[in-house]
Amino acid sequence: MTPCPSFEEMGFHGRVLEAHKEARASDLDETIEKMRGRGRERTPEEMFEMRAAFGEGEEVVNVLTGETFRTFDGPLVLGY
């Protein structure tokens, strides 16, 4: 498997490359700010998936927003 070529290898140079990097950084900053402002409750399904991935009663940190929460440590009942 060959590695993905860099922007320079694909022909992006100078101002075009810098404009791309600036736009991407700006978009990423805006997206993270939106995520920080949401502060929503997690659905039972999301909690089930996180408990399956991290274990019961574990503290989990969203590395983009800094939000922390603890996975559910009891029986999960999906009441749909």
PDB file of N, CA and C in Angstrom:
ATOM      1  N   MET A   1       0.845  -1.170   0.000  1.00  0.00           N
ATOM      2  CA  MET A   1       0.000   0.000   0.000  1.00  0.00           C
ATOM      3  C   MET A   1       0.896   1.241   0.000  1.00  0.00           C
ATOM      4  N   THR A   2       0.657   2.148  -0.916  1.00  0.00           N
ATOM      5  CA  THR A   2       1.454   3.371  -0.976  1.00  0.00           C
ATOM      6  C   THR A   2       0.829   4.440  -0.082  1.00  0.00           C
ATOM      7  N   PRO A   3       1.670   5.237   0.559  1.00  0.00           N
ATOM      8  CA  PRO A   3       1.119   6.297   1.425  1.00  0.00           C
ATOM      9  C   PRO A   3       0.427   7.380   0.606  1.00  0.00           C
ATOM     10  N   CYS A   4      -0.474   8.069   1.267  1.00  0.00           N
ATOM     11  CA  CYS A   4      -1.194   9.169   0.626  1.00  0.00           C
ATOM     12  C   CYS A   4      -0.202  10.297   0.314  1.00  0.00           C
ATOM     13  N   PRO A   5      -0.244  10.850  -0.893  1.00  0.00           N
ATOM     14  CA  PRO A   5       0.696  11.921  -1.233  1.00  0.00           C
ATOM     15  C   PRO A   5       0.400  13.207  -0.452  1.00  0.00           C
ATOM     16  N   SER A   6       1.423  13.984  -0.228  1.00  0.00           N
ATOM     17  CA  SER A   6       1.244  15.259   0.460  1.00  0.00           C
ATOM     18  C   SER A   6       0.619  16.268  -0.502  1.00  0.00           C
ATOM     19  N   PHE A   7       0.165  17.382   0.042  1.00  0.00           N
ATOM     20  CA  PHE A   7      -0.392  18.429  -0.812  1.00  0.00           C
ATOM     21  C   PHE A   7       0.647  18.914  -1.815  1.00  0.00           C
ATOM     22  N   GLU A   8       1.887  19.029  -1.359  1.00  0.00           N
ATOM     23  CA  GLU A   8       2.951  19.486  -2.256  1.00  0.00           C
ATOM     24  C   GLU A   8       3.156  18.503  -3.408  1.00  0.00           C
ATOM     25  N   GLU A   9       3.083  17.203  -3.086  1.00  0.00           N
ATOM     26  CA  GLU A   9       3.246  16.183  -4.130  1.00  0.00           C
ATOM     27  C   GLU A   9       2.080  16.183  -5.114  1.00  0.00           C
ATOM     28  N   MET A  10       0.923  16.666  -4.674  1.00  0.00           N
ATOM     29  CA  MET A  10      -0.243  16.723  -5.561  1.00  0.00           C
ATOM     30  C   MET A  10      -0.273  18.008  -6.378  1.00  0.00           C
ATOM     31  N   GLY A  11       0.698  18.890  -6.156  1.00  0.00           N
ATOM     32  CA  GLY A  11       0.775  20.099  -6.960  1.00  0.00           C
ATOM     33  C   GLY A  11       0.299  21.364  -6.299  1.00  0.00           C
ATOM     34  N   PHE A  12      -0.069  21.311  -5.022  1.00  0.00           N
ATOM     35  CA  PHE A  12      -0.488  22.516  -4.318  1.00  0.00           C
ATOM     36  C   PHE A  12       0.742  23.204  -3.739  1.00  0.00           C
ATOM     37  N   HIS A  13       0.923  24.454  -4.091  1.00  0.00           N
ATOM     38  CA  HIS A  13       2.097  25.194  -3.617  1.00  0.00           C
ATOM     39  C   HIS A  13       1.713  26.628  -3.283  1.00  0.00           C
ATOM     40  N   GLY A  14       2.583  27.275  -2.556  1.00  0.00           N
ATOM     41  CA  GLY A  14       2.483  28.710  -2.311  1.00  0.00           C
ATOM     42  C   GLY A  14       1.183  29.161  -1.703  1.00  0.00           C
ATOM     43  N   ARG A  15       0.609  30.204  -2.307  1.00  0.00           N
ATOM     44  CA  ARG A  15      -0.602  30.828  -1.763  1.00  0.00           C
ATOM     45  C   ARG A  15      -1.799  29.884  -1.731  1.00  0.00           C
ATOM     46  N   VAL A  16      -1.908  29.014  -2.718  1.00  0.00           N
ATOM     47  CA  VAL A  16      -3.046  28.083  -2.753  1.00  0.00           C
ATOM     48  C   VAL A  16      -2.989  27.149  -1.543  1.00  0.00           C
ATOM     49  N   LEU A  17      -1.812  26.623  -1.253  1.00  0.00           N
ATOM     50  CA  LEU A  17      -1.640  25.729  -0.119  1.00  0.00           C
ATOM     51  C   LEU A  17      -1.893  26.465   1.197  1.00  0.00           C
ATOM     52  N   GLU A  18      -1.359  27.655   1.330  1.00  0.00           N
ATOM     53  CA  GLU A  18      -1.562  28.435   2.550  1.00  0.00           C
ATOM     54  C   GLU A  18      -3.042  28.799   2.736  1.00  0.00           C
ATOM     55  N   ALA A  19      -3.728  29.171   1.655  1.00  0.00           N
ATOM     56  CA  ALA A  19      -5.152  29.504   1.741  1.00  0.00           C
ATOM     57  C   ALA A  19      -5.956  28.281   2.186  1.00  0.00           C
ATOM     58  N   HIS A  20      -5.595  27.119   1.660  1.00  0.00           N
ATOM     59  CA  HIS A  20      -6.274  25.886   2.054  1.00  0.00           C
ATOM     60  C   HIS A  20      -6.070  25.619   3.549  1.00  0.00           C
ATOM     61  N   LYS A  21      -4.832  25.727   4.014  1.00  0.00           N
ATOM     62  CA  LYS A  21      -4.530  25.469   5.424  1.00  0.00           C
ATOM     63  C   LYS A  21      -5.267  26.442   6.336  1.00  0.00           C
ATOM     64  N   GLU A  22      -5.321  27.713   5.962  1.00  0.00           N
ATOM     65  CA  GLU A  22      -6.025  28.718   6.765  1.00  0.00           C
ATOM     66  C   GLU A  22      -7.524  28.438   6.815  1.00  0.00           C
ATOM     67  N   ALA A  23      -8.107  28.092   5.673  1.00  0.00           N
ATOM     68  CA  ALA A  23      -9.544  27.807   5.617  1.00  0.00           C
ATOM     69  C   ALA A  23      -9.878  26.568   6.435  1.00  0.00           C
ATOM     70  N   ARG A  24      -9.043  25.559   6.351  1.00  0.00           N
ATOM     71  CA  ARG A  24      -9.278  24.330   7.105  1.00  0.00           C
ATOM     72  C   ARG A  24      -9.185  24.595   8.604  1.00  0.00           C
ATOM     73  N   ALA A  25      -8.183  25.336   9.027  1.00  0.00           N
ATOM     74  CA  ALA A  25      -8.017  25.653  10.447  1.00  0.00           C
ATOM     75  C   ALA A  25      -9.210  26.460  10.958  1.00  0.00           C
ATOM     76  N   SER A  26      -9.663  27.425  10.162  1.00  0.00           N
ATOM     77  CA  SER A  26     -10.804  28.246  10.545  1.00  0.00           C
ATOM     78  C   SER A  26     -12.057  27.394  10.671  1.00  0.00           C
ATOM     79  N   ASP A  27     -12.280  26.496   9.724  1.00  0.00           N
ATOM     80  CA  ASP A  27     -13.444  25.621   9.739  1.00  0.00           C
ATOM     81  C   ASP A  27     -13.396  24.690  10.951  1.00  0.00           C
ATOM     82  N   LEU A  28     -12.226  24.159  11.247  1.00  0.00           N
ATOM     83  CA  LEU A  28     -12.074  23.267  12.386  1.00  0.00           C
ATOM     84  C   LEU A  28     -12.353  24.007  13.694  1.00  0.00           C
ATOM     85  N   ASP A  29     -11.822  25.217  13.834  1.00  0.00           N
ATOM     86  CA  ASP A  29     -12.072  26.019  15.036  1.00  0.00           C
ATOM     87  C   ASP A  29     -13.570  26.284  15.212  1.00  0.00           C
ATOM     88  N   GLU A  30     -14.241  26.622  14.125  1.00  0.00           N
ATOM     89  CA  GLU A  30     -15.683  26.907  14.175  1.00  0.00           C
ATOM     90  C   GLU A  30     -16.471  25.655  14.563  1.00  0.00           C
ATOM     91  N   THR A  31     -16.105  24.521  14.010  1.00  0.00           N
ATOM     92  CA  THR A  31     -16.787  23.266  14.311  1.00  0.00           C
ATOM     93  C   THR A  31     -16.629  22.895  15.776  1.00  0.00           C
ATOM     94  N   ILE A  32     -15.421  23.047  16.315  1.00  0.00           N
ATOM     95  CA  ILE A  32     -15.181  22.716  17.718  1.00  0.00           C
ATOM     96  C   ILE A  32     -15.966  23.651  18.628  1.00  0.00           C
ATOM     97  N   GLU A  33     -16.032  24.928  18.296  1.00  0.00           N
ATOM     98  CA  GLU A  33     -16.815  25.874  19.102  1.00  0.00           C
ATOM     99  C   GLU A  33     -18.295  25.488  19.120  1.00  0.00           C
ATOM    100  N   LYS A  34     -18.821  25.064  17.986  1.00  0.00           N
ATOM    101  CA  LYS A  34     -20.219  24.629  17.924  1.00  0.00           C
ATOM    102  C   LYS A  34     -20.430  23.404  18.805  1.00  0.00           C
ATOM    103  N   MET A  35     -19.472  22.470  18.766  1.00  0.00           N
ATOM    104  CA  MET A  35     -19.582  21.267  19.589  1.00  0.00           C
ATOM    105  C   MET A  35     -19.565  21.613  21.070  1.00  0.00           C
ATOM    106  N   ARG A  36     -18.737  22.565  21.466  1.00  0.00           N
ATOM    107  CA  ARG A  36     -18.656  22.967  22.877  1.00  0.00           C
ATOM    108  C   ARG A  36     -19.961  23.589  23.351  1.00  0.00           C
ATOM    109  N   GLY A  37     -20.643  24.286  22.473  1.00  0.00           N
ATOM    110  CA  GLY A  37     -21.863  24.979  22.859  1.00  0.00           C
ATOM    111  C   GLY A  37     -23.087  24.093  22.954  1.00  0.00           C
ATOM    112  N   ARG A  38     -23.020  22.900  22.430  1.00  0.00           N
ATOM    113  CA  ARG A  38     -24.207  22.038  22.397  1.00  0.00           C
ATOM    114  C   ARG A  38     -24.615  21.537  23.765  1.00  0.00           C
ATOM    115  N   GLY A  39     -23.692  20.938  24.485  1.00  0.00           N
ATOM    116  CA  GLY A  39     -23.979  20.431  25.821  1.00  0.00           C
ATOM    117  C   GLY A  39     -25.254  19.610  25.906  1.00  0.00           C
ATOM    118  N   ARG A  40     -25.399  18.643  25.073  1.00  0.00           N
ATOM    119  CA  ARG A  40     -26.637  17.875  25.008  1.00  0.00           C
ATOM    120  C   ARG A  40     -26.566  16.608  25.855  1.00  0.00           C
ATOM    121  N   GLU A  41     -27.731  16.071  26.143  1.00  0.00           N
ATOM    122  CA  GLU A  41     -27.813  14.791  26.836  1.00  0.00           C
ATOM    123  C   GLU A  41     -27.540  13.676  25.834  1.00  0.00           C
ATOM    124  N   ARG A  42     -26.973  12.613  26.320  1.00  0.00           N
ATOM    125  CA  ARG A  42     -26.693  11.462  25.467  1.00  0.00           C
ATOM    126  C   ARG A  42     -27.921  10.545  25.424  1.00  0.00           C
ATOM    127  N   THR A  43     -28.147   9.938  24.284  1.00  0.00           N
ATOM    128  CA  THR A  43     -29.260   9.008  24.150  1.00  0.00           C
ATOM    129  C   THR A  43     -28.893   7.694  24.833  1.00  0.00           C
ATOM    130  N   PRO A  44     -29.892   6.874  25.195  1.00  0.00           N
ATOM    131  CA  PRO A  44     -29.581   5.555  25.768  1.00  0.00           C
ATOM    132  C   PRO A  44     -28.690   4.718  24.846  1.00  0.00           C
ATOM    133  N   GLU A  45     -28.920   4.812  23.546  1.00  0.00           N
ATOM    134  CA  GLU A  45     -28.103   4.059  22.596  1.00  0.00           C
ATOM    135  C   GLU A  45     -26.644   4.508  22.644  1.00  0.00           C
ATOM    136  N   GLU A  46     -26.402   5.821  22.690  1.00  0.00           N
ATOM    137  CA  GLU A  46     -25.029   6.326  22.775  1.00  0.00           C
ATOM    138  C   GLU A  46     -24.359   5.860  24.070  1.00  0.00           C
ATOM    139  N   MET A  47     -25.109   5.899  25.176  1.00  0.00           N
ATOM    140  CA  MET A  47     -24.547   5.453  26.447  1.00  0.00           C
ATOM    141  C   MET A  47     -24.217   3.968  26.419  1.00  0.00           C
ATOM    142  N   PHE A  48     -25.071   3.179  25.778  1.00  0.00           N
ATOM    143  CA  PHE A  48     -24.819   1.745  25.642  1.00  0.00           C
ATOM    144  C   PHE A  48     -23.534   1.508  24.858  1.00  0.00           C
ATOM    145  N   GLU A  49     -23.375   2.234  23.734  1.00  0.00           N
ATOM    146  CA  GLU A  49     -22.179   2.075  22.910  1.00  0.00           C
ATOM    147  C   GLU A  49     -20.914   2.493  23.664  1.00  0.00           C
ATOM    148  N   MET A  50     -21.005   3.588  24.435  1.00  0.00           N
ATOM    149  CA  MET A  50     -19.834   4.043  25.181  1.00  0.00           C
ATOM    150  C   MET A  50     -19.488   3.075  26.311  1.00  0.00           C
ATOM    151  N   ARG A  51     -20.528   2.523  26.956  1.00  0.00           N
ATOM    152  CA  ARG A  51     -20.259   1.543  28.006  1.00  0.00           C
ATOM    153  C   ARG A  51     -19.609   0.295  27.410  1.00  0.00           C
ATOM    154  N   ALA A  52     -20.071  -0.117  26.219  1.00  0.00           N
ATOM    155  CA  ALA A  52     -19.480  -1.284  25.562  1.00  0.00           C
ATOM    156  C   ALA A  52     -18.022  -1.019  25.185  1.00  0.00           C
ATOM    157  N   ALA A  53     -17.721   0.211  24.784  1.00  0.00           N
ATOM    158  CA  ALA A  53     -16.362   0.548  24.350  1.00  0.00           C
ATOM    159  C   ALA A  53     -15.407   0.791  25.514  1.00  0.00           C
ATOM    160  N   PHE A  54     -15.886   1.450  26.586  1.00  0.00           N
ATOM    161  CA  PHE A  54     -14.987   1.888  27.663  1.00  0.00           C
ATOM    162  C   PHE A  54     -15.182   1.131  28.974  1.00  0.00           C
ATOM    163  N   GLY A  55     -16.309   0.438  29.134  1.00  0.00           N
ATOM    164  CA  GLY A  55     -16.589  -0.272  30.379  1.00  0.00           C
ATOM    165  C   GLY A  55     -17.561   0.506  31.252  1.00  0.00           C
ATOM    166  N   GLU A  56     -18.060  -0.163  32.295  1.00  0.00           N
ATOM    167  CA  GLU A  56     -19.040   0.447  33.190  1.00  0.00           C
ATOM    168  C   GLU A  56     -18.375   1.420  34.158  1.00  0.00           C
ATOM    169  N   GLY A  57     -19.015   2.560  34.388  1.00  0.00           N
ATOM    170  CA  GLY A  57     -18.568   3.512  35.392  1.00  0.00           C
ATOM    171  C   GLY A  57     -17.243   4.187  35.104  1.00  0.00           C
ATOM    172  N   GLU A  58     -16.844   4.251  33.845  1.00  0.00           N
ATOM    173  CA  GLU A  58     -15.572   4.867  33.474  1.00  0.00           C
ATOM    174  C   GLU A  58     -15.766   6.333  33.114  1.00  0.00           C
ATOM    175  N   GLU A  59     -14.805   7.154  33.466  1.00  0.00           N
ATOM    176  CA  GLU A  59     -14.838   8.561  33.068  1.00  0.00           C
ATOM    177  C   GLU A  59     -14.294   8.677  31.654  1.00  0.00           C
ATOM    178  N   VAL A  60     -15.045   9.354  30.791  1.00  0.00           N
ATOM    179  CA  VAL A  60     -14.674   9.518  29.388  1.00  0.00           C
ATOM    180  C   VAL A  60     -14.536  11.007  29.104  1.00  0.00           C
ATOM    181  N   VAL A  61     -13.532  11.382  28.328  1.00  0.00           N
ATOM    182  CA  VAL A  61     -13.284  12.778  27.992  1.00  0.00           C
ATOM    183  C   VAL A  61     -13.353  12.949  26.474  1.00  0.00           C
ATOM    184  N   ASN A  62     -14.142  13.911  26.019  1.00  0.00           N
ATOM    185  CA  ASN A  62     -14.167  14.277  24.610  1.00  0.00           C
ATOM    186  C   ASN A  62     -12.946  15.167  24.380  1.00  0.00           C
ATOM    187  N   VAL A  63     -11.968  14.672  23.622  1.00  0.00           N
ATOM    188  CA  VAL A  63     -10.708  15.395  23.469  1.00  0.00           C
ATOM    189  C   VAL A  63     -10.857  16.686  22.662  1.00  0.00           C
ATOM    190  N   LEU A  64     -11.931  16.839  21.913  1.00  0.00           N
ATOM    191  CA  LEU A  64     -12.131  18.073  21.152  1.00  0.00           C
ATOM    192  C   LEU A  64     -12.743  19.173  21.995  1.00  0.00           C
ATOM    193  N   THR A  65     -13.668  18.811  22.885  1.00  0.00           N
ATOM    194  CA  THR A  65     -14.386  19.827  23.651  1.00  0.00           C
ATOM    195  C   THR A  65     -13.963  19.911  25.112  1.00  0.00           C
ATOM    196  N   GLY A  66     -13.308  18.873  25.622  1.00  0.00           N
ATOM    197  CA  GLY A  66     -12.933  18.836  27.026  1.00  0.00           C
ATOM    198  C   GLY A  66     -14.063  18.361  27.931  1.00  0.00           C
ATOM    199  N   GLU A  67     -15.222  18.061  27.364  1.00  0.00           N
ATOM    200  CA  GLU A  67     -16.371  17.579  28.132  1.00  0.00           C
ATOM    201  C   GLU A  67     -16.046  16.217  28.735  1.00  0.00           C
ATOM    202  N   THR A  68     -16.398  16.035  30.014  1.00  0.00           N
ATOM    203  CA  THR A  68     -16.198  14.744  30.666  1.00  0.00           C
ATOM    204  C   THR A  68     -17.534  14.202  31.147  1.00  0.00           C
ATOM    205  N   PHE A  69     -17.669  12.901  31.159  1.00  0.00           N
ATOM    206  CA  PHE A  69     -18.854  12.248  31.699  1.00  0.00           C
ATOM    207  C   PHE A  69     -18.482  10.827  32.086  1.00  0.00           C
ATOM    208  N   ARG A  70     -19.346  10.197  32.841  1.00  0.00           N
ATOM    209  CA  ARG A  70     -19.109   8.836  33.303  1.00  0.00           C
ATOM    210  C   ARG A  70     -20.068   7.899  32.583  1.00  0.00           C
ATOM    211  N   THR A  71     -19.527   6.759  32.137  1.00  0.00           N
ATOM    212  CA  THR A  71     -20.385   5.768  31.483  1.00  0.00           C
ATOM    213  C   THR A  71     -21.320   5.161  32.514  1.00  0.00           C
ATOM    214  N   PHE A  72     -22.458   4.734  32.072  1.00  0.00           N
ATOM    215  CA  PHE A  72     -23.497   4.185  32.939  1.00  0.00           C
ATOM    216  C   PHE A  72     -23.008   2.885  33.558  1.00  0.00           C
ATOM    217  N   ASP A  73     -23.274   2.711  34.859  1.00  0.00           N
ATOM    218  CA  ASP A  73     -22.780   1.504  35.515  1.00  0.00           C
ATOM    219  C   ASP A  73     -23.913   0.603  36.017  1.00  0.00           C
ATOM    220  N   GLY A  74     -25.071   0.761  35.414  1.00  0.00           N
ATOM    221  CA  GLY A  74     -26.198  -0.116  35.780  1.00  0.00           C
ATOM    222  C   GLY A  74     -26.766  -0.766  34.541  1.00  0.00           C
ATOM    223  N   PRO A  75     -27.868  -1.484  34.705  1.00  0.00           N
ATOM    224  CA  PRO A  75     -28.478  -2.114  33.521  1.00  0.00           C
ATOM    225  C   PRO A  75     -29.087  -1.046  32.615  1.00  0.00           C
ATOM    226  N   LEU A  76     -28.827  -1.178  31.344  1.00  0.00           N
ATOM    227  CA  LEU A  76     -29.406  -0.243  30.378  1.00  0.00           C
ATOM    228  C   LEU A  76     -30.647  -0.858  29.775  1.00  0.00           C
ATOM    229  N   VAL A  77     -31.708  -0.090  29.786  1.00  0.00           N
ATOM    230  CA  VAL A  77     -32.960  -0.526  29.190  1.00  0.00           C
ATOM    231  C   VAL A  77     -33.319   0.485  28.133  1.00  0.00           C
ATOM    232  N   LEU A  78     -33.344   0.040  26.892  1.00  0.00           N
ATOM    233  CA  LEU A  78     -33.705   0.939  25.795  1.00  0.00           C
ATOM    234  C   LEU A  78     -35.228   0.906  25.666  1.00  0.00           C
ATOM    235  N   GLY A  79     -35.864   1.965  26.088  1.00  0.00           N
ATOM    236  CA  GLY A  79     -37.321   2.015  26.070  1.00  0.00           C
ATOM    237  C   GLY A  79     -37.862   2.774  24.879  1.00  0.00           C
ATOM    238  N   TYR A  80     -37.919   2.125  23.751  1.00  0.00           N
ATOM    239  CA  TYR A  80     -38.453   2.770  22.557  1.00  0.00           C
ATOM    240  C   TYR A  80     -39.877   2.367  22.355  1.00  0.00           C
TER     241      TYR A  80
END
